[in-house]
Amino acid sequence: IGLDEEGNPLPIVAGARYVYRSVQRNYGGILMRQGGDA
């Protein structure tokens, strides 16, 4: 996310990450929007 094949940066427009941790369970989610270029 946010890098091309050569390791050059690509724009990240916005994103979110949610993480829940407890004694019984751990879960989470990531949603990211990567912009384009030429």
ModelCIF file with pLDDT and N, C-alpha, C, O atoms, coordinates in Angstrom:
data_MODEL
#
_entry.id   MODEL 
#
_entity.id                         1 
_entity.type                       polymer 
_entity.pdbx_number_of_molecules   1 
#
_entity_poly.entity_id                      1 
_entity_poly.type                           'polypeptide(L)' 
_entity_poly.nstd_linkage                   no 
_entity_poly.nstd_monomer                   no 
_entity_poly.pdbx_seq_one_letter_code       IGLDEEGNPLPIVAGARYVYRSVQRNYGGILMRQGGDA 
_entity_poly.pdbx_seq_one_letter_code_can   IGLDEEGNPLPIVAGARYVYRSVQRNYGGILMRQGGDA 
_entity_poly.pdbx_strand_id                 A 
#
loop_
_entity_poly_seq.entity_id 
_entity_poly_seq.num 
_entity_poly_seq.mon_id 
_entity_poly_seq.hetero 
1 1  ILE n 
1 2  GLY n 
1 3  LEU n 
1 4  ASP n 
1 5  GLU n 
1 6  GLU n 
1 7  GLY n 
1 8  ASN n 
1 9  PRO n 
1 10 LEU n 
1 11 PRO n 
1 12 ILE n 
1 13 VAL n 
1 14 ALA n 
1 15 GLY n 
1 16 ALA n 
1 17 ARG n 
1 18 TYR n 
1 19 VAL n 
1 20 TYR n 
1 21 ARG n 
1 22 SER n 
1 23 VAL n 
1 24 GLN n 
1 25 ARG n 
1 26 ASN n 
1 27 TYR n 
1 28 GLY n 
1 29 GLY n 
1 30 ILE n 
1 31 LEU n 
1 32 MET n 
1 33 ARG n 
1 34 GLN n 
1 35 GLY n 
1 36 GLY n 
1 37 ASP n 
1 38 ALA n 
#
_struct_asym.id          A 
_struct_asym.entity_id   1 
#
loop_
_ma_qa_metric.id 
_ma_qa_metric.mode 
_ma_qa_metric.name 
_ma_qa_metric.software_group_id 
_ma_qa_metric.type 
1 global pLDDT . pLDDT 
2 local  pLDDT . pLDDT 
#
_ma_qa_metric_global.metric_id      1 
_ma_qa_metric_global.metric_value   89.50 
_ma_qa_metric_global.model_id       1 
_ma_qa_metric_global.ordinal_id     1 
#
loop_
_ma_qa_metric_local.label_asym_id 
_ma_qa_metric_local.label_comp_id 
_ma_qa_metric_local.label_seq_id 
_ma_qa_metric_local.metric_id 
_ma_qa_metric_local.metric_value 
_ma_qa_metric_local.model_id 
_ma_qa_metric_local.ordinal_id 
A ILE 1  2 92.00 1 1  
A GLY 2  2 90.00 1 2  
A LEU 3  2 86.00 1 3  
A ASP 4  2 84.00 1 4  
A GLU 5  2 80.00 1 5  
A GLU 6  2 75.00 1 6  
A GLY 7  2 76.00 1 7  
A ASN 8  2 79.00 1 8  
A PRO 9  2 84.00 1 9  
A LEU 10 2 89.00 1 10 
A PRO 11 2 90.00 1 11 
A ILE 12 2 92.00 1 12 
A VAL 13 2 94.00 1 13 
A ALA 14 2 94.00 1 14 
A GLY 15 2 94.00 1 15 
A ALA 16 2 96.00 1 16 
A ARG 17 2 95.00 1 17 
A TYR 18 2 95.00 1 18 
A VAL 19 2 93.00 1 19 
A TYR 20 2 92.00 1 20 
A ARG 21 2 86.00 1 21 
A SER 22 2 84.00 1 22 
A VAL 23 2 81.00 1 23 
A GLN 24 2 87.00 1 24 
A ARG 25 2 90.00 1 25 
A ASN 26 2 91.00 1 26 
A TYR 27 2 94.00 1 27 
A GLY 28 2 95.00 1 28 
A GLY 29 2 96.00 1 29 
A ILE 30 2 96.00 1 30 
A LEU 31 2 96.00 1 31 
A MET 32 2 95.00 1 32 
A ARG 33 2 96.00 1 33 
A GLN 34 2 94.00 1 34 
A GLY 35 2 92.00 1 35 
A GLY 36 2 88.00 1 36 
A ASP 37 2 87.00 1 37 
A ALA 38 2 83.00 1 38 
#
loop_
_atom_site.group_PDB 
_atom_site.id 
_atom_site.type_symbol 
_atom_site.label_atom_id 
_atom_site.label_alt_id 
_atom_site.label_comp_id 
_atom_site.label_asym_id 
_atom_site.label_entity_id 
_atom_site.label_seq_id 
_atom_site.pdbx_PDB_ins_code 
_atom_site.Cartn_x 
_atom_site.Cartn_y 
_atom_site.Cartn_z 
_atom_site.occupancy 
_atom_site.B_iso_or_equiv 
_atom_site.pdbx_formal_charge 
_atom_site.auth_seq_id 
_atom_site.auth_comp_id 
_atom_site.auth_asym_id 
_atom_site.auth_atom_id 
_atom_site.pdbx_PDB_model_num 
ATOM 1   N N  . ILE A 1 1  ? 0.847   -1.190  0.000   1.00 92.00 ? 1  ILE A N  1 
ATOM 2   C CA . ILE A 1 1  ? 0.000   0.000   0.000   1.00 92.00 ? 1  ILE A CA 1 
ATOM 3   C C  . ILE A 1 1  ? 0.885   1.243   0.000   1.00 92.00 ? 1  ILE A C  1 
ATOM 4   O O  . ILE A 1 1  ? 1.759   1.386   0.855   1.00 92.00 ? 1  ILE A O  1 
ATOM 5   N N  . GLY A 1 2  ? 0.663   2.130   -0.945  1.00 90.00 ? 2  GLY A N  1 
ATOM 6   C CA . GLY A 1 2  ? 1.365   3.398   -0.943  1.00 90.00 ? 2  GLY A CA 1 
ATOM 7   C C  . GLY A 1 2  ? 2.770   3.371   -1.495  1.00 90.00 ? 2  GLY A C  1 
ATOM 8   O O  . GLY A 1 2  ? 3.482   4.369   -1.386  1.00 90.00 ? 2  GLY A O  1 
ATOM 9   N N  . LEU A 1 3  ? 3.203   2.260   -2.089  1.00 86.00 ? 3  LEU A N  1 
ATOM 10  C CA . LEU A 1 3  ? 4.520   2.154   -2.707  1.00 86.00 ? 3  LEU A CA 1 
ATOM 11  C C  . LEU A 1 3  ? 4.394   1.385   -4.012  1.00 86.00 ? 3  LEU A C  1 
ATOM 12  O O  . LEU A 1 3  ? 3.615   0.435   -4.102  1.00 86.00 ? 3  LEU A O  1 
ATOM 13  N N  . ASP A 1 4  ? 5.158   1.790   -5.027  1.00 84.00 ? 4  ASP A N  1 
ATOM 14  C CA . ASP A 1 4  ? 5.139   1.030   -6.274  1.00 84.00 ? 4  ASP A CA 1 
ATOM 15  C C  . ASP A 1 4  ? 6.167   -0.090  -6.217  1.00 84.00 ? 4  ASP A C  1 
ATOM 16  O O  . ASP A 1 4  ? 6.766   -0.331  -5.169  1.00 84.00 ? 4  ASP A O  1 
ATOM 17  N N  . GLU A 1 5  ? 6.377   -0.780  -7.344  1.00 80.00 ? 5  GLU A N  1 
ATOM 18  C CA . GLU A 1 5  ? 7.252   -1.934  -7.383  1.00 80.00 ? 5  GLU A CA 1 
ATOM 19  C C  . GLU A 1 5  ? 8.696   -1.577  -7.064  1.00 80.00 ? 5  GLU A C  1 
ATOM 20  O O  . GLU A 1 5  ? 9.453   -2.434  -6.608  1.00 80.00 ? 5  GLU A O  1 
ATOM 21  N N  . GLU A 1 6  ? 9.093   -0.326  -7.294  1.00 75.00 ? 6  GLU A N  1 
ATOM 22  C CA . GLU A 1 6  ? 10.456  0.120   -7.029  1.00 75.00 ? 6  GLU A CA 1 
ATOM 23  C C  . GLU A 1 6  ? 10.609  0.761   -5.649  1.00 75.00 ? 6  GLU A C  1 
ATOM 24  O O  . GLU A 1 6  ? 11.691  1.233   -5.299  1.00 75.00 ? 6  GLU A O  1 
ATOM 25  N N  . GLY A 1 7  ? 9.539   0.778   -4.877  1.00 76.00 ? 7  GLY A N  1 
ATOM 26  C CA . GLY A 1 7  ? 9.601   1.392   -3.560  1.00 76.00 ? 7  GLY A CA 1 
ATOM 27  C C  . GLY A 1 7  ? 9.366   2.880   -3.551  1.00 76.00 ? 7  GLY A C  1 
ATOM 28  O O  . GLY A 1 7  ? 9.565   3.526   -2.522  1.00 76.00 ? 7  GLY A O  1 
ATOM 29  N N  . ASN A 1 8  ? 8.941   3.455   -4.688  1.00 79.00 ? 8  ASN A N  1 
ATOM 30  C CA . ASN A 1 8  ? 8.647   4.885   -4.748  1.00 79.00 ? 8  ASN A CA 1 
ATOM 31  C C  . ASN A 1 8  ? 7.241   5.148   -4.209  1.00 79.00 ? 8  ASN A C  1 
ATOM 32  O O  . ASN A 1 8  ? 6.340   4.338   -4.427  1.00 79.00 ? 8  ASN A O  1 
ATOM 33  N N  . PRO A 1 9  ? 7.041   6.273   -3.506  1.00 84.00 ? 9  PRO A N  1 
ATOM 34  C CA . PRO A 1 9  ? 5.739   6.508   -2.868  1.00 84.00 ? 9  PRO A CA 1 
ATOM 35  C C  . PRO A 1 9  ? 4.624   6.801   -3.861  1.00 84.00 ? 9  PRO A C  1 
ATOM 36  O O  . PRO A 1 9  ? 4.824   7.481   -4.867  1.00 84.00 ? 9  PRO A O  1 
ATOM 37  N N  . LEU A 1 10 ? 3.455   6.276   -3.556  1.00 89.00 ? 10 LEU A N  1 
ATOM 38  C CA . LEU A 1 10 ? 2.209   6.606   -4.234  1.00 89.00 ? 10 LEU A CA 1 
ATOM 39  C C  . LEU A 1 10 ? 1.290   7.277   -3.219  1.00 89.00 ? 10 LEU A C  1 
ATOM 40  O O  . LEU A 1 10 ? 1.355   6.947   -2.034  1.00 89.00 ? 10 LEU A O  1 
ATOM 41  N N  . PRO A 1 11 ? 0.441   8.202   -3.642  1.00 90.00 ? 11 PRO A N  1 
ATOM 42  C CA . PRO A 1 11 ? -0.363  8.955   -2.670  1.00 90.00 ? 11 PRO A CA 1 
ATOM 43  C C  . PRO A 1 11 ? -1.392  8.072   -1.968  1.00 90.00 ? 11 PRO A C  1 
ATOM 44  O O  . PRO A 1 11 ? -2.084  7.272   -2.597  1.00 90.00 ? 11 PRO A O  1 
ATOM 45  N N  . ILE A 1 12 ? -1.473  8.236   -0.659  1.00 92.00 ? 12 ILE A N  1 
ATOM 46  C CA . ILE A 1 12 ? -2.533  7.602   0.127   1.00 92.00 ? 12 ILE A CA 1 
ATOM 47  C C  . ILE A 1 12 ? -3.537  8.682   0.483   1.00 92.00 ? 12 ILE A C  1 
ATOM 48  O O  . ILE A 1 12 ? -3.240  9.588   1.262   1.00 92.00 ? 12 ILE A O  1 
ATOM 49  N N  . VAL A 1 13 ? -4.721  8.582   -0.088  1.00 94.00 ? 13 VAL A N  1 
ATOM 50  C CA . VAL A 1 13 ? -5.737  9.624   0.078   1.00 94.00 ? 13 VAL A CA 1 
ATOM 51  C C  . VAL A 1 13 ? -6.284  9.622   1.500   1.00 94.00 ? 13 VAL A C  1 
ATOM 52  O O  . VAL A 1 13 ? -6.359  10.670  2.142   1.00 94.00 ? 13 VAL A O  1 
ATOM 53  N N  . ALA A 1 14 ? -6.661  8.460   1.986   1.00 94.00 ? 14 ALA A N  1 
ATOM 54  C CA . ALA A 1 14 ? -7.245  8.349   3.326   1.00 94.00 ? 14 ALA A CA 1 
ATOM 55  C C  . ALA A 1 14 ? -7.257  6.888   3.728   1.00 94.00 ? 14 ALA A C  1 
ATOM 56  O O  . ALA A 1 14 ? -7.137  5.995   2.889   1.00 94.00 ? 14 ALA A O  1 
ATOM 57  N N  . GLY A 1 15 ? -7.404  6.660   5.014   1.00 94.00 ? 15 GLY A N  1 
ATOM 58  C CA . GLY A 1 15 ? -7.448  5.289   5.494   1.00 94.00 ? 15 GLY A CA 1 
ATOM 59  C C  . GLY A 1 15 ? -7.954  5.219   6.920   1.00 94.00 ? 15 GLY A C  1 
ATOM 60  O O  . GLY A 1 15 ? -8.035  6.227   7.621   1.00 94.00 ? 15 GLY A O  1 
ATOM 61  N N  . ALA A 1 16 ? -8.292  4.013   7.331   1.00 96.00 ? 16 ALA A N  1 
ATOM 62  C CA . ALA A 1 16 ? -8.772  3.768   8.690   1.00 96.00 ? 16 ALA A CA 1 
ATOM 63  C C  . ALA A 1 16 ? -8.308  2.395   9.138   1.00 96.00 ? 16 ALA A C  1 
ATOM 64  O O  . ALA A 1 16 ? -8.194  1.465   8.340   1.00 96.00 ? 16 ALA A O  1 
ATOM 65  N N  . ARG A 1 17 ? -8.044  2.289   10.439  1.00 95.00 ? 17 ARG A N  1 
ATOM 66  C CA . ARG A 1 17 ? -7.690  0.993   11.035  1.00 95.00 ? 17 ARG A CA 1 
ATOM 67  C C  . ARG A 1 17 ? -8.393  0.886   12.381  1.00 95.00 ? 17 ARG A C  1 
ATOM 68  O O  . ARG A 1 17 ? -8.331  1.799   13.203  1.00 95.00 ? 17 ARG A O  1 
ATOM 69  N N  . TYR A 1 18 ? -9.051  -0.228  12.590  1.00 95.00 ? 18 TYR A N  1 
ATOM 70  C CA . TYR A 1 18 ? -9.726  -0.488  13.864  1.00 95.00 ? 18 TYR A CA 1 
ATOM 71  C C  . TYR A 1 18 ? -9.148  -1.770  14.449  1.00 95.00 ? 18 TYR A C  1 
ATOM 72  O O  . TYR A 1 18 ? -8.994  -2.769  13.747  1.00 95.00 ? 18 TYR A O  1 
ATOM 73  N N  . VAL A 1 19 ? -8.828  -1.735  15.749  1.00 93.00 ? 19 VAL A N  1 
ATOM 74  C CA . VAL A 1 19 ? -8.252  -2.902  16.426  1.00 93.00 ? 19 VAL A CA 1 
ATOM 75  C C  . VAL A 1 19 ? -8.963  -3.104  17.750  1.00 93.00 ? 19 VAL A C  1 
ATOM 76  O O  . VAL A 1 19 ? -9.158  -2.160  18.516  1.00 93.00 ? 19 VAL A O  1 
ATOM 77  N N  . TYR A 1 20 ? -9.347  -4.340  18.009  1.00 92.00 ? 20 TYR A N  1 
ATOM 78  C CA . TYR A 1 20 ? -9.964  -4.726  19.279  1.00 92.00 ? 20 TYR A CA 1 
ATOM 79  C C  . TYR A 1 20 ? -9.133  -5.863  19.878  1.00 92.00 ? 20 TYR A C  1 
ATOM 80  O O  . TYR A 1 20 ? -8.853  -6.858  19.209  1.00 92.00 ? 20 TYR A O  1 
ATOM 81  N N  . ARG A 1 21 ? -8.743  -5.704  21.141  1.00 86.00 ? 21 ARG A N  1 
ATOM 82  C CA . ARG A 1 21 ? -7.984  -6.741  21.844  1.00 86.00 ? 21 ARG A CA 1 
ATOM 83  C C  . ARG A 1 21 ? -8.628  -7.004  23.188  1.00 86.00 ? 21 ARG A C  1 
ATOM 84  O O  . ARG A 1 21 ? -8.997  -6.069  23.899  1.00 86.00 ? 21 ARG A O  1 
ATOM 85  N N  . SER A 1 22 ? -8.768  -8.281  23.545  1.00 84.00 ? 22 SER A N  1 
ATOM 86  C CA . SER A 1 22 ? -9.316  -8.645  24.843  1.00 84.00 ? 22 SER A CA 1 
ATOM 87  C C  . SER A 1 22 ? -8.725  -9.989  25.259  1.00 84.00 ? 22 SER A C  1 
ATOM 88  O O  . SER A 1 22 ? -7.918  -10.581 24.542  1.00 84.00 ? 22 SER A O  1 
ATOM 89  N N  . VAL A 1 23 ? -9.141  -10.450 26.418  1.00 81.00 ? 23 VAL A N  1 
ATOM 90  C CA . VAL A 1 23 ? -8.651  -11.734 26.912  1.00 81.00 ? 23 VAL A CA 1 
ATOM 91  C C  . VAL A 1 23 ? -9.098  -12.867 25.997  1.00 81.00 ? 23 VAL A C  1 
ATOM 92  O O  . VAL A 1 23 ? -8.362  -13.836 25.812  1.00 81.00 ? 23 VAL A O  1 
ATOM 93  N N  . GLN A 1 24 ? -10.299 -12.760 25.419  1.00 87.00 ? 24 GLN A N  1 
ATOM 94  C CA . GLN A 1 24 ? -10.847 -13.853 24.621  1.00 87.00 ? 24 GLN A CA 1 
ATOM 95  C C  . GLN A 1 24 ? -10.466 -13.764 23.147  1.00 87.00 ? 24 GLN A C  1 
ATOM 96  O O  . GLN A 1 24 ? -10.239 -14.792 22.509  1.00 87.00 ? 24 GLN A O  1 
ATOM 97  N N  . ARG A 1 25 ? -10.394 -12.549 22.593  1.00 90.00 ? 25 ARG A N  1 
ATOM 98  C CA . ARG A 1 25 ? -10.251 -12.456 21.144  1.00 90.00 ? 25 ARG A CA 1 
ATOM 99  C C  . ARG A 1 25 ? -9.574  -11.155 20.750  1.00 90.00 ? 25 ARG A C  1 
ATOM 100 O O  . ARG A 1 25 ? -9.556  -10.185 21.507  1.00 90.00 ? 25 ARG A O  1 
ATOM 101 N N  . ASN A 1 26 ? -9.017  -11.159 19.546  1.00 91.00 ? 26 ASN A N  1 
ATOM 102 C CA . ASN A 1 26 ? -8.422  -9.973  18.938  1.00 91.00 ? 26 ASN A CA 1 
ATOM 103 C C  . ASN A 1 26 ? -8.926  -9.890  17.502  1.00 91.00 ? 26 ASN A C  1 
ATOM 104 O O  . ASN A 1 26 ? -8.924  -10.889 16.782  1.00 91.00 ? 26 ASN A O  1 
ATOM 105 N N  . TYR A 1 27 ? -9.351  -8.715  17.089  1.00 94.00 ? 27 TYR A N  1 
ATOM 106 C CA . TYR A 1 27 ? -9.747  -8.574  15.688  1.00 94.00 ? 27 TYR A CA 1 
ATOM 107 C C  . TYR A 1 27 ? -9.540  -7.134  15.246  1.00 94.00 ? 27 TYR A C  1 
ATOM 108 O O  . TYR A 1 27 ? -9.388  -6.229  16.067  1.00 94.00 ? 27 TYR A O  1 
ATOM 109 N N  . GLY A 1 28 ? -9.537  -6.942  13.941  1.00 95.00 ? 28 GLY A N  1 
ATOM 110 C CA . GLY A 1 28 ? -9.322  -5.598  13.429  1.00 95.00 ? 28 GLY A CA 1 
ATOM 111 C C  . GLY A 1 28 ? -9.564  -5.530  11.939  1.00 95.00 ? 28 GLY A C  1 
ATOM 112 O O  . GLY A 1 28 ? -9.735  -6.550  11.272  1.00 95.00 ? 28 GLY A O  1 
ATOM 113 N N  . GLY A 1 29 ? -9.576  -4.315  11.428  1.00 96.00 ? 29 GLY A N  1 
ATOM 114 C CA . GLY A 1 29 ? -9.781  -4.099  10.004  1.00 96.00 ? 29 GLY A CA 1 
ATOM 115 C C  . GLY A 1 29 ? -9.014  -2.880  9.528   1.00 96.00 ? 29 GLY A C  1 
ATOM 116 O O  . GLY A 1 29 ? -8.781  -1.941  10.289  1.00 96.00 ? 29 GLY A O  1 
ATOM 117 N N  . ILE A 1 30 ? -8.625  -2.904  8.262   1.00 96.00 ? 30 ILE A N  1 
ATOM 118 C CA . ILE A 1 30 ? -7.937  -1.786  7.617   1.00 96.00 ? 30 ILE A CA 1 
ATOM 119 C C  . ILE A 1 30 ? -8.653  -1.477  6.314   1.00 96.00 ? 30 ILE A C  1 
ATOM 120 O O  . ILE A 1 30 ? -8.991  -2.381  5.549   1.00 96.00 ? 30 ILE A O  1 
ATOM 121 N N  . LEU A 1 31 ? -8.882  -0.196  6.069   1.00 96.00 ? 31 LEU A N  1 
ATOM 122 C CA . LEU A 1 31 ? -9.461  0.261   4.800   1.00 96.00 ? 31 LEU A CA 1 
ATOM 123 C C  . LEU A 1 31 ? -8.620  1.436   4.325   1.00 96.00 ? 31 LEU A C  1 
ATOM 124 O O  . LEU A 1 31 ? -8.504  2.441   5.026   1.00 96.00 ? 31 LEU A O  1 
ATOM 125 N N  . MET A 1 32 ? -8.028  1.315   3.129   1.00 95.00 ? 32 MET A N  1 
ATOM 126 C CA . MET A 1 32 ? -7.134  2.356   2.616   1.00 95.00 ? 32 MET A CA 1 
ATOM 127 C C  . MET A 1 32 ? -7.496  2.672   1.169   1.00 95.00 ? 32 MET A C  1 
ATOM 128 O O  . MET A 1 32 ? -7.876  1.792   0.396   1.00 95.00 ? 32 MET A O  1 
ATOM 129 N N  . ARG A 1 33 ? -7.367  3.950   0.824   1.00 96.00 ? 33 ARG A N  1 
ATOM 130 C CA . ARG A 1 33 ? -7.580  4.406   -0.547  1.00 96.00 ? 33 ARG A CA 1 
ATOM 131 C C  . ARG A 1 33 ? -6.272  4.992   -1.062  1.00 96.00 ? 33 ARG A C  1 
ATOM 132 O O  . ARG A 1 33 ? -5.781  5.998   -0.548  1.00 96.00 ? 33 ARG A O  1 
ATOM 133 N N  . GLN A 1 34 ? -5.721  4.354   -2.074  1.00 94.00 ? 34 GLN A N  1 
ATOM 134 C CA . GLN A 1 34 ? -4.471  4.796   -2.688  1.00 94.00 ? 34 GLN A CA 1 
ATOM 135 C C  . GLN A 1 34 ? -4.775  5.521   -3.984  1.00 94.00 ? 34 GLN A C  1 
ATOM 136 O O  . GLN A 1 34 ? -5.484  4.997   -4.843  1.00 94.00 ? 34 GLN A O  1 
ATOM 137 N N  . GLY A 1 35 ? -4.242  6.721   -4.128  1.00 92.00 ? 35 GLY A N  1 
ATOM 138 C CA . GLY A 1 35 ? -4.448  7.487   -5.343  1.00 92.00 ? 35 GLY A CA 1 
ATOM 139 C C  . GLY A 1 35 ? -3.579  6.982   -6.485  1.00 92.00 ? 35 GLY A C  1 
ATOM 140 O O  . GLY A 1 35 ? -2.701  6.142   -6.289  1.00 92.00 ? 35 GLY A O  1 
ATOM 141 N N  . GLY A 1 36 ? -3.830  7.493   -7.651  1.00 88.00 ? 36 GLY A N  1 
ATOM 142 C CA . GLY A 1 36 ? -3.079  7.086   -8.827  1.00 88.00 ? 36 GLY A CA 1 
ATOM 143 C C  . GLY A 1 36 ? -2.114  8.155   -9.297  1.00 88.00 ? 36 GLY A C  1 
ATOM 144 O O  . GLY A 1 36 ? -2.054  9.248   -8.733  1.00 88.00 ? 36 GLY A O  1 
ATOM 145 N N  . ASP A 1 37 ? -1.356  7.829   -10.343 1.00 87.00 ? 37 ASP A N  1 
ATOM 146 C CA . ASP A 1 37 ? -0.492  8.795   -11.008 1.00 87.00 ? 37 ASP A CA 1 
ATOM 147 C C  . ASP A 1 37 ? -0.501  8.472   -12.499 1.00 87.00 ? 37 ASP A C  1 
ATOM 148 O O  . ASP A 1 37 ? -1.426  7.816   -12.978 1.00 87.00 ? 37 ASP A O  1 
ATOM 149 N N  . ALA A 1 38 ? 0.499   8.915   -13.232 1.00 83.00 ? 38 ALA A N  1 
ATOM 150 C CA . ALA A 1 38 ? 0.492   8.746   -14.682 1.00 83.00 ? 38 ALA A CA 1 
ATOM 151 C C  . ALA A 1 38 ? 0.523   7.289   -15.108 1.00 83.00 ? 38 ALA A C  1 
ATOM 152 O O  . ALA A 1 38 ? 0.522   6.995   -16.304 1.00 83.00 ? 38 ALA A O  1 
#
